[in-house]
Amino acid sequence: MSLPLGSLLALPLPREDRAHLDALISEAAVGRALRAEGHHVASFGLWALRRRAHRQDVLERLLRQPRDWTWLVFAPMPPGQLPAPDAELLARTVQGLHGVQYVEWTVQEGVLSFTSRSLRTAVVRGSPVLLPSPPRPEGSLTLPAGPLLPDLSRWAGVPAEQLGAALIEAAYIERMAPAHQGAFTNVDVLALARKVPVVIEVKRRARTPEQETQPLTMSPTQAGTLGYLHAAGCEVHVAVLVVPKGSTQQPDLALGRGSWHAGAPVIRPGWGEMHVDLLGAAQPLGLKGLRRAREHAALGDLGLGTLGATSPSHAEPLPAAASEWTSLPSCANSAPELKGPQRLISFTSEYRFLQVWAPAPVKLGGRVYPSPAAAFLAARTLDQTAREALTETLSPVRALRLADLAPVRAGWRELRLQVAREVLRMAYRDERGVQLVATLPLLLDAPEMWGPPLDGLQGEPGLNLLSDLRGLLATEQAHRTGGCCLQCAWAHAGPPAGFLQCAHPDGAAGALACVGAHAIRGPLDTVRVAVTTPAGQAFRSKQAAQRP
């Protein structure tokens, strides 16, 4: 499709500068790097809007429920005509989001028209699929006259289709939405890497050599957007192009003069400002480089862990154990052989059984429900008809509809974590409990988001309950089998649940010599091992240590 770029550039917008177009140059560079690695990069646009921009308290804005937000997907075609890779990427991205609108745009005879659809997802044979609503006209804009051959030399490195789509999306946001200034942001780069959506926030900052290590600012909307996407199951990264001072006037030249770094969004104490800490050089540019830079930084993936700890997807505070694991800095003299913990960021394939809708009979109140989520929704109401219907409901969409229609029992907000804990305990018994323990030493980091009725079982609170249950089951298993690090005199209780701190007198070197790669780096460069780790050659039983 040939777009009238001259007319689109001539559109009068409240924002007169073209900084958002200059940013496309660095975003396009990241996209090319991901494609070179074999990842599919989205051809559609994704935006987030805060509907309640009057909230002034930063922490309140970040901790509110997702209903405060609207997600807009932009494409020049109906959802059913999206290319297969785009459709899969979009379904996997939005399945944990709320309030998603699909905006189809068309340009014909000088008129820019928009058609909107509500967008939901359903899981079919283990994979999410898109369920759009019927289309409804959203409005149109008459394009002004513009040059037939506009000067695009400033953005020569950006494909014309990407440049035109960015102009159309900005026109909708600022003319049709309309969104308050600072209450909207777009997802810079969205890609699919082995069934996992990857979100990359691309920043470009001009710094002198002395300023390169100083933190960069990030708006609460940008940080909240990344937090929601992380909670929805996306792998989130920040790529920062640090360029010499004064080079931003020529964005294409700045791309060649700058250096790429991985970043980590954090909330600073005090006023709650959002900053981006530079973790290290991302070489080569791409997903591999960003992952490597984050792994070599403090605590392996401090940026994602810190972002997850402040994610707006949960209302209850994180347990102290989880907060300590993700927020403490690492010392500079850490042993290079000791690796940071690996995270399980997607409950798919062999880890599908961890999903809240995975088939797992749960007996509650004299009835047997087909999944933990169905049992949790049944406990949410005292309506016996709804409870009975949920015993036969396998579809997440139908179960959530039943929950929306059923009256919520009194005091549910105070009860839901207790109910979620009991539901998970019933779901992970016998063989499923053994499977759950077998996920150690991976850190569970794939919070599912299905809708407000599942608050308490989904998101970070539910993930923390599942991690706590895993730790309890792992400890019981280690006591039964024996010959594990749990019985070692050098071992002390975690956190987090299911882990031990190894106090071997030779430090990390001694732990590595004893249990090898089972030893991982914990907070403050401590050594952590899973409680089920088989005893190594330096094992010293607690009974022997107590003998005179």
Protein backbone atom coordinates (compact mmCIF):
# COMPACT_ATOMS: atom_id res chain seq x y z
CA MET A 1 0.00 0.00 0.00
CA SER A 2 1.40 3.37 -1.08
CA LEU A 3 0.72 5.97 1.62
CA PRO A 4 0.44 9.74 1.01
CA LEU A 5 3.36 10.60 3.26
CA GLY A 6 3.31 14.27 2.21
CA SER A 7 -0.29 14.67 3.38
CA LEU A 8 0.34 12.70 6.55
CA LEU A 9 3.31 14.91 7.40
CA ALA A 10 1.13 17.98 6.81
CA LEU A 11 -1.48 16.88 9.36
CA PRO A 12 -1.76 19.56 12.07
CA LEU A 13 -1.04 17.88 15.40
CA PRO A 14 -0.73 19.38 18.88
CA ARG A 15 2.81 18.06 18.95
CA GLU A 16 4.67 20.03 16.31
CA ASP A 17 8.10 18.47 16.72
CA ARG A 18 9.03 15.25 14.94
CA ALA A 19 10.97 13.63 17.76
CA HIS A 20 8.71 10.56 17.58
CA LEU A 21 9.77 10.13 13.96
CA ASP A 22 13.45 10.56 14.80
CA ALA A 23 13.03 7.75 17.33
CA LEU A 24 11.99 5.43 14.50
CA ILE A 25 15.59 5.37 13.26
CA SER A 26 16.94 3.69 16.37
CA GLU A 27 13.83 1.51 16.67
CA ALA A 28 14.28 0.34 13.08
CA ALA A 29 17.91 -0.55 13.86
CA VAL A 30 16.79 -2.75 16.77
CA GLY A 31 14.14 -4.37 14.56
CA ARG A 32 16.72 -5.19 11.87
CA ALA A 33 18.99 -6.75 14.50
CA LEU A 34 16.17 -8.98 15.76
CA ARG A 35 15.24 -10.08 12.25
CA ALA A 36 18.88 -10.93 11.60
CA GLU A 37 18.72 -13.24 14.64
CA GLY A 38 15.72 -15.02 13.12
CA HIS A 39 12.95 -13.44 15.23
CA HIS A 40 9.69 -12.18 13.80
CA VAL A 41 9.13 -8.44 14.39
CA ALA A 42 5.57 -7.11 14.50
CA SER A 43 4.31 -5.10 11.56
CA PHE A 44 1.36 -3.78 13.61
CA GLY A 45 1.48 -1.00 16.19
CA LEU A 46 0.70 -1.36 19.91
CA TRP A 47 -0.08 1.60 22.18
CA ALA A 48 -1.07 1.99 25.83
CA LEU A 49 -3.30 4.81 27.16
CA ARG A 50 -3.92 5.67 30.80
CA ARG A 51 -7.60 6.54 31.11
CA ARG A 52 -7.28 8.11 34.54
CA ALA A 53 -4.46 10.54 34.01
CA HIS A 54 -5.60 12.72 36.91
CA ARG A 55 -3.98 10.35 39.41
CA GLN A 56 -0.96 12.28 40.64
CA ASP A 57 0.64 9.74 42.98
CA VAL A 58 3.14 7.71 40.92
CA LEU A 59 2.98 4.60 43.07
CA GLU A 60 -0.83 4.69 43.08
CA ARG A 61 -0.85 4.85 39.29
CA LEU A 62 1.50 1.88 39.04
CA LEU A 63 -0.38 -0.28 41.52
CA ARG A 64 -3.90 0.27 40.18
CA GLN A 65 -5.75 -2.54 38.46
CA PRO A 66 -5.37 -2.87 34.65
CA ARG A 67 -8.85 -1.41 34.04
CA ASP A 68 -7.27 2.03 34.24
CA TRP A 69 -5.57 1.30 30.91
CA THR A 70 -6.58 0.85 27.28
CA TRP A 71 -4.47 -1.00 24.73
CA LEU A 72 -4.71 -0.04 21.05
CA VAL A 73 -3.54 -2.27 18.21
CA PHE A 74 -3.11 -0.54 14.83
CA ALA A 75 -3.03 -2.30 11.47
CA PRO A 76 -4.18 -1.56 7.88
CA MET A 77 -6.22 -4.78 7.70
CA PRO A 78 -8.85 -6.71 9.71
CA PRO A 79 -7.58 -9.08 12.41
CA GLY A 80 -8.49 -12.11 10.32
CA GLN A 81 -6.19 -10.97 7.50
CA LEU A 82 -3.07 -10.51 9.62
CA PRO A 83 -0.11 -12.62 8.48
CA ALA A 84 0.16 -15.80 10.55
CA PRO A 85 3.31 -14.71 12.47
CA ASP A 86 1.68 -11.36 13.34
CA ALA A 87 -1.54 -13.07 14.45
CA GLU A 88 0.36 -15.46 16.73
CA LEU A 89 2.49 -12.67 18.19
CA LEU A 90 -0.55 -10.45 18.81
CA ALA A 91 -2.53 -13.28 20.46
CA ARG A 92 0.35 -14.23 22.75
CA THR A 93 0.91 -10.58 23.68
CA VAL A 94 -2.66 -9.50 24.47
CA GLN A 95 -3.91 -12.70 26.14
CA GLY A 96 -2.92 -11.28 29.54
CA LEU A 97 -4.08 -7.69 28.90
CA HIS A 98 -7.43 -5.97 29.49
CA GLY A 99 -9.30 -3.42 27.40
CA VAL A 100 -7.66 -4.25 24.06
CA GLN A 101 -9.03 -2.44 21.00
CA TYR A 102 -8.05 -3.33 17.44
CA VAL A 103 -8.04 -0.22 15.23
CA GLU A 104 -8.01 -0.87 11.50
CA TRP A 105 -7.03 2.12 9.39
CA THR A 106 -7.48 2.80 5.68
CA VAL A 107 -6.45 5.68 3.44
CA GLN A 108 -8.60 6.34 0.39
CA GLU A 109 -9.13 9.48 -1.69
CA GLY A 110 -7.61 11.82 0.86
CA VAL A 111 -9.57 10.45 3.82
CA LEU A 112 -8.04 8.51 6.74
CA SER A 113 -10.70 6.22 8.22
CA PHE A 114 -10.67 4.10 11.36
CA THR A 115 -12.68 1.01 12.27
CA SER A 116 -12.51 -0.40 15.79
CA ARG A 117 -13.06 -3.88 17.27
CA SER A 118 -12.78 -5.16 20.82
CA LEU A 119 -10.18 -7.90 20.96
CA ARG A 120 -10.14 -10.96 23.19
CA THR A 121 -8.29 -14.25 23.06
CA ALA A 122 -9.13 -17.89 23.66
CA VAL A 123 -6.85 -20.88 24.05
CA VAL A 124 -7.32 -23.53 21.36
CA ARG A 125 -5.20 -26.69 21.57
CA GLY A 126 -2.81 -24.97 23.91
CA SER A 127 -2.28 -21.83 21.82
CA PRO A 128 -4.05 -18.44 22.09
CA VAL A 129 -6.17 -17.26 19.16
CA LEU A 130 -7.76 -13.88 18.49
CA LEU A 131 -11.49 -13.30 19.03
CA PRO A 132 -12.43 -9.88 17.58
CA SER A 133 -15.86 -8.34 18.07
CA PRO A 134 -17.96 -7.04 15.14
CA PRO A 135 -16.45 -3.88 13.58
CA ARG A 136 -17.76 -0.42 14.37
CA PRO A 137 -16.87 2.89 12.62
CA GLU A 138 -14.53 4.99 14.72
CA GLY A 139 -14.37 8.17 12.62
CA SER A 140 -12.25 9.70 9.89
CA LEU A 141 -9.81 12.52 9.21
CA THR A 142 -9.55 14.51 6.01
CA LEU A 143 -5.93 14.70 4.94
CA PRO A 144 -4.59 18.12 3.95
CA ALA A 145 -2.83 18.66 0.67
CA GLY A 146 0.86 17.83 0.81
CA PRO A 147 3.82 17.53 -1.52
CA LEU A 148 3.85 14.50 -3.79
CA LEU A 149 7.56 13.95 -3.10
CA PRO A 150 8.16 15.04 0.50
CA ASP A 151 11.69 15.34 1.85
CA LEU A 152 12.23 12.15 3.84
CA SER A 153 16.03 12.30 3.90
CA ARG A 154 16.04 12.82 7.67
CA TRP A 155 14.45 9.36 8.11
CA ALA A 156 16.14 7.59 5.22
CA GLY A 157 16.79 4.49 7.33
CA VAL A 158 13.09 3.98 8.10
CA PRO A 159 10.89 2.02 5.65
CA ALA A 160 8.12 4.17 4.16
CA GLU A 161 5.42 1.80 5.49
CA GLN A 162 6.76 2.13 9.03
CA LEU A 163 7.01 5.91 8.74
CA GLY A 164 3.46 6.21 7.41
CA ALA A 165 2.03 3.88 10.07
CA ALA A 166 3.72 5.95 12.81
CA LEU A 167 2.14 9.14 11.46
CA ILE A 168 -1.32 7.52 11.25
CA GLU A 169 -1.09 6.11 14.78
CA ALA A 170 0.00 9.47 16.17
CA ALA A 171 -2.90 11.16 14.36
CA TYR A 172 -5.41 8.78 15.93
CA ILE A 173 -3.92 9.13 19.42
CA GLU A 174 -3.83 12.92 19.38
CA ARG A 175 -6.88 13.69 17.23
CA MET A 176 -9.29 10.78 17.73
CA ALA A 177 -8.60 9.33 21.19
CA PRO A 178 -7.79 12.01 22.45
CA ALA A 179 -5.17 11.24 25.08
CA HIS A 180 -3.78 13.64 27.64
CA GLN A 181 -0.14 14.56 27.19
CA GLY A 182 2.05 12.03 28.96
CA ALA A 183 -0.82 9.53 29.36
CA PHE A 184 0.04 7.44 26.28
CA THR A 185 3.01 5.58 24.87
CA ASN A 186 3.72 3.08 22.13
CA VAL A 187 5.61 -0.20 22.28
CA ASP A 188 8.79 0.52 20.37
CA VAL A 189 9.73 -2.99 19.22
CA LEU A 190 7.60 -6.12 19.62
CA ALA A 191 8.91 -9.48 18.45
CA LEU A 192 8.32 -13.21 18.85
CA ALA A 193 11.23 -15.35 20.06
CA ARG A 194 10.42 -19.06 20.36
CA LYS A 195 6.75 -18.52 21.19
CA VAL A 196 7.58 -15.80 23.76
CA PRO A 197 6.64 -12.15 23.00
CA VAL A 198 9.61 -9.83 23.45
CA VAL A 199 9.12 -6.12 24.17
CA ILE A 200 12.02 -3.72 23.74
CA GLU A 201 11.79 -0.11 24.88
CA VAL A 202 14.28 1.87 22.81
CA LYS A 203 15.81 5.00 24.30
CA ARG A 204 18.22 7.49 22.74
CA ARG A 205 20.08 9.89 24.97
CA ALA A 206 22.87 12.38 24.32
CA ARG A 207 25.56 12.12 27.00
CA THR A 208 29.08 13.31 27.57
CA PRO A 209 31.55 10.54 28.52
CA GLU A 210 31.25 11.59 32.17
CA GLN A 211 27.46 11.23 32.05
CA GLU A 212 27.26 7.79 30.41
CA THR A 213 26.68 5.93 33.68
CA GLN A 214 24.08 8.36 35.03
CA PRO A 215 20.46 7.10 35.10
CA LEU A 216 18.04 8.18 32.40
CA THR A 217 14.45 9.21 33.07
CA MET A 218 11.35 7.28 32.07
CA SER A 219 7.75 8.42 32.30
CA PRO A 220 5.36 6.59 34.66
CA THR A 221 3.25 5.66 31.62
CA GLN A 222 6.21 4.01 29.91
CA ALA A 223 7.22 2.18 33.06
CA GLY A 224 3.65 1.09 33.74
CA THR A 225 3.28 -0.18 30.18
CA LEU A 226 6.39 -2.31 30.50
CA GLY A 227 5.16 -3.55 33.86
CA TYR A 228 1.82 -4.68 32.46
CA LEU A 229 3.46 -6.40 29.50
CA HIS A 230 5.92 -8.18 31.78
CA ALA A 231 3.03 -9.37 33.97
CA ALA A 232 1.22 -10.56 30.83
CA GLY A 233 4.09 -12.91 30.01
CA CYS A 234 6.29 -10.78 27.75
CA GLU A 235 10.06 -10.74 28.03
CA VAL A 236 10.89 -7.05 28.55
CA HIS A 237 14.16 -5.28 27.73
CA VAL A 238 15.34 -1.68 27.49
CA ALA A 239 17.87 -0.78 24.80
CA VAL A 240 19.59 2.60 25.18
CA LEU A 241 21.55 4.27 22.39
CA VAL A 242 24.00 6.65 24.07
CA VAL A 243 25.22 9.23 21.57
CA PRO A 244 27.68 12.13 21.86
CA LYS A 245 26.30 15.48 22.95
CA GLY A 246 24.97 17.54 20.06
CA SER A 247 24.54 14.63 17.62
CA THR A 248 20.76 14.28 17.98
CA GLN A 249 20.13 16.85 15.25
CA GLN A 250 21.21 14.22 12.73
CA PRO A 251 19.58 11.00 13.97
CA ASP A 252 20.95 8.81 11.17
CA LEU A 253 24.54 9.90 11.90
CA ALA A 254 23.97 9.56 15.64
CA LEU A 255 23.11 5.91 15.07
CA GLY A 256 26.61 5.29 13.75
CA ARG A 257 28.35 7.32 16.45
CA GLY A 258 26.50 5.96 19.46
CA SER A 259 26.86 2.82 21.56
CA TRP A 260 24.10 0.46 22.63
CA HIS A 261 23.49 -0.41 26.28
CA ALA A 262 20.99 -2.56 28.12
CA GLY A 263 18.87 -0.71 30.68
CA ALA A 264 16.79 -1.52 33.74
CA PRO A 265 13.67 0.47 34.79
CA VAL A 266 13.63 1.19 38.54
CA ILE A 267 11.68 3.42 40.95
CA ARG A 268 13.97 5.69 42.92
CA PRO A 269 13.25 6.34 46.63
CA GLY A 270 11.79 9.70 47.51
CA TRP A 271 9.40 11.05 44.91
CA GLY A 272 9.07 7.79 43.04
CA GLU A 273 10.72 8.97 39.80
CA MET A 274 11.19 6.33 37.13
CA HIS A 275 14.78 5.93 35.99
CA VAL A 276 16.61 3.66 33.58
CA ASP A 277 19.88 2.34 34.96
CA LEU A 278 22.47 1.33 32.38
CA LEU A 279 23.45 -2.29 32.95
CA GLY A 280 26.24 -2.59 30.40
CA ALA A 281 27.05 -2.66 26.69
CA ALA A 282 24.68 -4.66 24.47
CA GLN A 283 27.09 -6.19 22.01
CA PRO A 284 26.14 -7.24 19.46
CA LEU A 285 22.88 -5.32 19.20
CA GLY A 286 19.98 -7.75 19.40
CA LEU A 287 18.17 -9.99 21.82
CA LYS A 288 21.29 -12.04 22.53
CA GLY A 289 23.28 -8.92 23.37
CA LEU A 290 20.56 -7.52 25.63
CA ARG A 291 20.20 -10.82 27.46
CA ARG A 292 23.94 -11.14 27.90
CA ALA A 293 24.28 -7.59 29.24
CA ARG A 294 21.49 -8.15 31.71
CA GLU A 295 22.95 -11.46 32.83
CA HIS A 296 26.33 -9.87 33.49
CA ALA A 297 24.74 -7.03 35.47
CA ALA A 298 23.75 -7.06 39.13
CA LEU A 299 21.70 -10.15 40.03
CA GLY A 300 21.60 -11.34 36.41
CA ASP A 301 18.32 -9.65 35.40
CA LEU A 302 17.86 -6.81 37.85
CA GLY A 303 15.93 -4.66 35.39
CA LEU A 304 13.20 -7.21 34.76
CA GLY A 305 13.08 -8.27 38.40
CA THR A 306 12.79 -4.69 39.62
CA LEU A 307 10.15 -3.97 37.01
CA GLY A 308 8.22 -7.06 38.05
CA ALA A 309 8.34 -5.99 41.69
CA THR A 310 6.68 -2.68 40.83
CA SER A 311 4.34 -4.04 38.20
CA PRO A 312 0.81 -2.63 38.28
CA SER A 313 -0.70 -6.08 37.84
CA HIS A 314 -1.06 -6.83 41.54
CA ALA A 315 -2.85 -5.11 44.38
CA GLU A 316 -1.28 -6.98 47.31
CA PRO A 317 2.36 -6.25 48.29
CA LEU A 318 5.02 -8.77 47.37
CA PRO A 319 6.27 -11.06 50.14
CA ALA A 320 9.56 -9.96 51.68
CA ALA A 321 11.35 -13.00 50.29
CA ALA A 322 10.45 -12.16 46.71
CA SER A 323 11.29 -8.48 47.12
CA GLU A 324 14.74 -9.28 48.57
CA TRP A 325 15.60 -11.59 45.71
CA THR A 326 14.79 -9.07 43.00
CA SER A 327 15.91 -5.74 44.39
CA LEU A 328 19.23 -6.10 46.21
CA PRO A 329 22.32 -5.01 44.24
CA SER A 330 25.26 -7.23 43.50
CA CYS A 331 28.77 -6.52 44.69
CA ALA A 332 31.42 -5.71 42.15
CA ASN A 333 33.77 -8.53 43.18
CA SER A 334 31.37 -11.41 42.47
CA ALA A 335 32.94 -14.64 41.35
CA PRO A 336 32.65 -14.83 37.55
CA GLU A 337 31.94 -18.57 37.62
CA LEU A 338 28.82 -18.15 39.77
CA LYS A 339 25.87 -17.55 37.45
CA GLY A 340 22.68 -15.71 38.25
CA PRO A 341 19.36 -17.55 38.53
CA GLN A 342 17.45 -18.52 35.41
CA ARG A 343 13.81 -17.53 35.10
CA LEU A 344 10.89 -19.49 33.73
CA ILE A 345 9.17 -16.73 31.76
CA SER A 346 6.56 -18.77 29.89
CA PHE A 347 4.26 -21.52 31.15
CA THR A 348 4.20 -23.36 27.82
CA SER A 349 5.36 -26.71 26.40
CA GLU A 350 6.48 -28.97 29.26
CA TYR A 351 5.59 -26.23 31.76
CA ARG A 352 2.00 -25.87 30.58
CA PHE A 353 0.79 -27.67 33.70
CA LEU A 354 1.63 -24.51 35.70
CA GLN A 355 -1.14 -22.52 34.01
CA VAL A 356 -4.18 -21.69 36.13
CA TRP A 357 -6.43 -23.24 33.47
CA ALA A 358 -4.39 -26.42 33.11
CA PRO A 359 -6.50 -29.57 33.67
CA ALA A 360 -6.15 -30.45 37.36
CA PRO A 361 -9.14 -31.70 39.39
CA VAL A 362 -9.68 -29.54 42.46
CA LYS A 363 -12.22 -30.62 45.10
CA LEU A 364 -13.75 -27.69 46.90
CA GLY A 365 -16.97 -27.51 48.89
CA GLY A 366 -18.09 -30.98 47.87
CA ARG A 367 -17.66 -30.34 44.13
CA VAL A 368 -14.83 -31.19 41.76
CA TYR A 369 -13.68 -28.47 39.39
CA PRO A 370 -11.61 -29.10 36.23
CA SER A 371 -8.89 -26.50 36.92
CA PRO A 372 -7.52 -24.26 39.67
CA ALA A 373 -9.02 -21.20 37.98
CA ALA A 374 -12.51 -22.75 37.82
CA ALA A 375 -12.34 -23.71 41.52
CA PHE A 376 -11.18 -20.20 42.46
CA LEU A 377 -14.02 -18.58 40.50
CA ALA A 378 -16.52 -20.91 42.18
CA ALA A 379 -15.26 -19.88 45.62
CA ARG A 380 -15.71 -16.24 44.61
CA THR A 381 -19.51 -16.59 44.66
CA LEU A 382 -22.12 -18.30 46.83
CA ASP A 383 -24.43 -18.81 43.85
CA GLN A 384 -24.92 -22.59 43.67
CA THR A 385 -26.04 -22.51 40.03
CA ALA A 386 -22.84 -20.74 38.97
CA ARG A 387 -20.74 -23.14 41.04
CA GLU A 388 -22.37 -26.16 39.42
CA ALA A 389 -21.87 -24.69 35.94
CA LEU A 390 -18.18 -24.15 36.65
CA THR A 391 -17.69 -27.84 37.40
CA GLU A 392 -18.27 -28.55 33.71
CA THR A 393 -16.57 -25.50 32.22
CA LEU A 394 -13.21 -25.98 30.53
CA SER A 395 -13.26 -22.78 28.47
CA PRO A 396 -11.59 -19.79 30.20
CA VAL A 397 -13.81 -17.37 28.28
CA ARG A 398 -17.03 -19.08 29.35
CA ALA A 399 -15.85 -19.49 32.95
CA LEU A 400 -14.98 -15.80 33.21
CA ARG A 401 -18.36 -14.85 31.78
CA LEU A 402 -20.07 -17.01 34.41
CA ALA A 403 -17.98 -15.32 37.09
CA ASP A 404 -18.86 -11.85 35.82
CA LEU A 405 -22.58 -12.65 35.99
CA ALA A 406 -22.50 -14.30 39.43
CA PRO A 407 -22.73 -12.11 42.58
CA VAL A 408 -19.46 -11.78 44.49
CA ARG A 409 -19.55 -13.08 48.05
CA ALA A 410 -19.11 -10.59 50.90
CA GLY A 411 -15.53 -10.12 52.10
CA TRP A 412 -14.04 -11.74 49.01
CA ARG A 413 -11.12 -9.33 48.80
CA GLU A 414 -9.98 -10.42 52.27
CA LEU A 415 -10.57 -14.12 51.50
CA ARG A 416 -9.14 -14.47 48.00
CA LEU A 417 -5.47 -15.04 48.89
CA GLN A 418 -6.44 -17.68 51.45
CA VAL A 419 -8.67 -19.36 48.86
CA ALA A 420 -5.97 -19.16 46.20
CA ARG A 421 -3.49 -20.80 48.57
CA GLU A 422 -5.91 -23.65 49.29
CA VAL A 423 -6.80 -24.11 45.60
CA LEU A 424 -3.14 -24.39 44.63
CA ARG A 425 -2.48 -26.83 47.47
CA MET A 426 -5.29 -29.07 46.19
CA ALA A 427 -4.14 -28.76 42.58
CA TYR A 428 -0.50 -29.68 43.18
CA ARG A 429 -0.74 -33.02 44.91
CA ASP A 430 0.94 -36.32 44.11
CA GLU A 431 2.41 -36.32 40.58
CA ARG A 432 1.66 -32.65 39.89
CA GLY A 433 3.43 -31.72 43.12
CA VAL A 434 6.49 -33.67 42.01
CA GLN A 435 6.36 -31.84 38.66
CA LEU A 436 6.19 -28.50 40.44
CA VAL A 437 9.22 -29.29 42.61
CA ALA A 438 11.11 -30.42 39.50
CA THR A 439 11.01 -26.83 38.17
CA LEU A 440 13.65 -25.87 40.75
CA PRO A 441 16.03 -24.04 40.56
CA LEU A 442 14.20 -21.94 37.96
CA LEU A 443 12.56 -18.79 39.32
CA LEU A 444 8.87 -18.70 38.38
CA ASP A 445 8.40 -15.46 36.43
CA ALA A 446 5.39 -15.89 34.14
CA PRO A 447 2.42 -14.27 35.92
CA GLU A 448 -0.81 -14.91 34.02
CA MET A 449 -3.46 -12.21 33.61
CA TRP A 450 -7.00 -13.26 32.66
CA GLY A 451 -9.27 -10.68 34.25
CA PRO A 452 -10.21 -9.08 37.59
CA PRO A 453 -12.27 -12.12 38.76
CA LEU A 454 -9.00 -14.07 39.06
CA ASP A 455 -7.17 -11.42 41.12
CA GLY A 456 -5.40 -13.30 43.89
CA LEU A 457 -4.73 -16.41 41.81
CA GLN A 458 -3.27 -14.59 38.81
CA GLY A 459 -0.46 -12.05 38.46
CA GLU A 460 2.36 -11.59 40.94
CA PRO A 461 0.31 -12.53 44.06
CA GLY A 462 -0.65 -15.89 42.55
CA LEU A 463 2.87 -16.48 41.30
CA ASN A 464 4.27 -15.80 44.77
CA LEU A 465 1.80 -18.26 46.30
CA LEU A 466 2.84 -20.89 43.75
CA SER A 467 6.53 -20.27 44.52
CA ASP A 468 5.85 -20.58 48.25
CA LEU A 469 3.97 -23.85 47.71
CA ARG A 470 6.82 -25.17 45.59
CA GLY A 471 9.27 -24.35 48.36
CA LEU A 472 7.12 -26.15 50.94
CA LEU A 473 6.72 -29.27 48.77
CA ALA A 474 10.43 -29.26 47.91
CA THR A 475 11.38 -29.11 51.59
CA GLU A 476 9.06 -32.01 52.40
CA GLN A 477 10.53 -34.03 49.52
CA ALA A 478 14.10 -33.29 50.62
CA HIS A 479 13.28 -34.45 54.16
CA ARG A 480 11.83 -37.72 52.83
CA THR A 481 14.63 -38.59 50.40
CA GLY A 482 17.63 -37.36 52.41
CA GLY A 483 21.11 -36.87 50.98
CA CYS A 484 20.27 -33.30 49.93
CA CYS A 485 21.76 -29.91 50.66
CA LEU A 486 18.88 -29.40 53.11
CA GLN A 487 20.68 -31.74 55.53
CA CYS A 488 24.06 -30.02 55.09
CA ALA A 489 25.55 -28.09 58.01
CA TRP A 490 26.65 -25.30 55.65
CA ALA A 491 23.06 -24.67 54.48
CA HIS A 492 20.70 -22.07 55.91
CA ALA A 493 17.14 -21.17 54.92
CA GLY A 494 16.63 -18.96 51.83
CA PRO A 495 14.92 -16.73 50.68
CA PRO A 496 13.23 -17.30 48.34
CA ALA A 497 11.15 -20.35 49.26
CA GLY A 498 12.73 -23.59 48.10
CA PHE A 499 16.28 -22.23 48.21
CA LEU A 500 19.09 -22.40 50.74
CA GLN A 501 22.00 -20.08 51.38
CA CYS A 502 25.25 -22.01 51.23
CA ALA A 503 27.74 -20.83 53.87
CA HIS A 504 30.63 -23.04 52.74
CA PRO A 505 33.83 -21.73 54.37
CA ASP A 506 35.49 -21.42 50.94
CA GLY A 507 32.63 -19.31 49.62
CA ALA A 508 31.50 -19.55 46.02
CA ALA A 509 34.54 -21.57 44.99
CA GLY A 510 33.78 -24.18 47.64
CA ALA A 511 30.11 -24.38 46.68
CA LEU A 512 30.95 -24.76 42.99
CA ALA A 513 33.44 -27.49 43.78
CA CYS A 514 30.79 -29.28 45.84
CA VAL A 515 27.62 -29.11 43.74
CA GLY A 516 28.81 -27.54 40.49
CA ALA A 517 26.30 -25.58 38.41
CA HIS A 518 23.58 -26.21 41.03
CA ALA A 519 25.10 -23.28 42.95
CA ILE A 520 23.79 -19.92 41.74
CA ARG A 521 24.32 -16.29 42.71
CA GLY A 522 21.85 -14.84 45.22
CA PRO A 523 21.36 -11.39 46.75
CA LEU A 524 24.54 -9.60 47.87
CA ASP A 525 26.66 -12.25 46.11
CA THR A 526 25.54 -14.99 48.45
CA VAL A 527 25.46 -18.56 47.16
CA ARG A 528 22.06 -20.21 46.78
CA VAL A 529 21.09 -23.81 46.04
CA ALA A 530 17.71 -25.51 45.77
CA VAL A 531 16.72 -27.54 48.83
CA THR A 532 16.51 -30.67 46.67
CA THR A 533 20.08 -30.34 45.33
CA PRO A 534 21.88 -33.70 45.79
CA ALA A 535 24.66 -33.53 48.36
CA GLY A 536 28.13 -32.99 46.89
CA GLN A 537 31.59 -34.13 47.89
CA ALA A 538 31.95 -31.41 50.56
CA PHE A 539 28.65 -32.36 52.21
CA ARG A 540 28.76 -32.23 56.01
CA SER A 541 25.68 -33.48 57.82
CA LYS A 542 24.17 -31.40 60.58
CA GLN A 543 24.43 -34.36 62.95
CA ALA A 544 28.17 -34.64 62.36
CA ALA A 545 28.61 -30.91 62.86
CA GLN A 546 26.93 -31.12 66.27
CA ARG A 547 29.21 -33.87 67.56
CA PRO A 548 31.99 -32.76 69.90
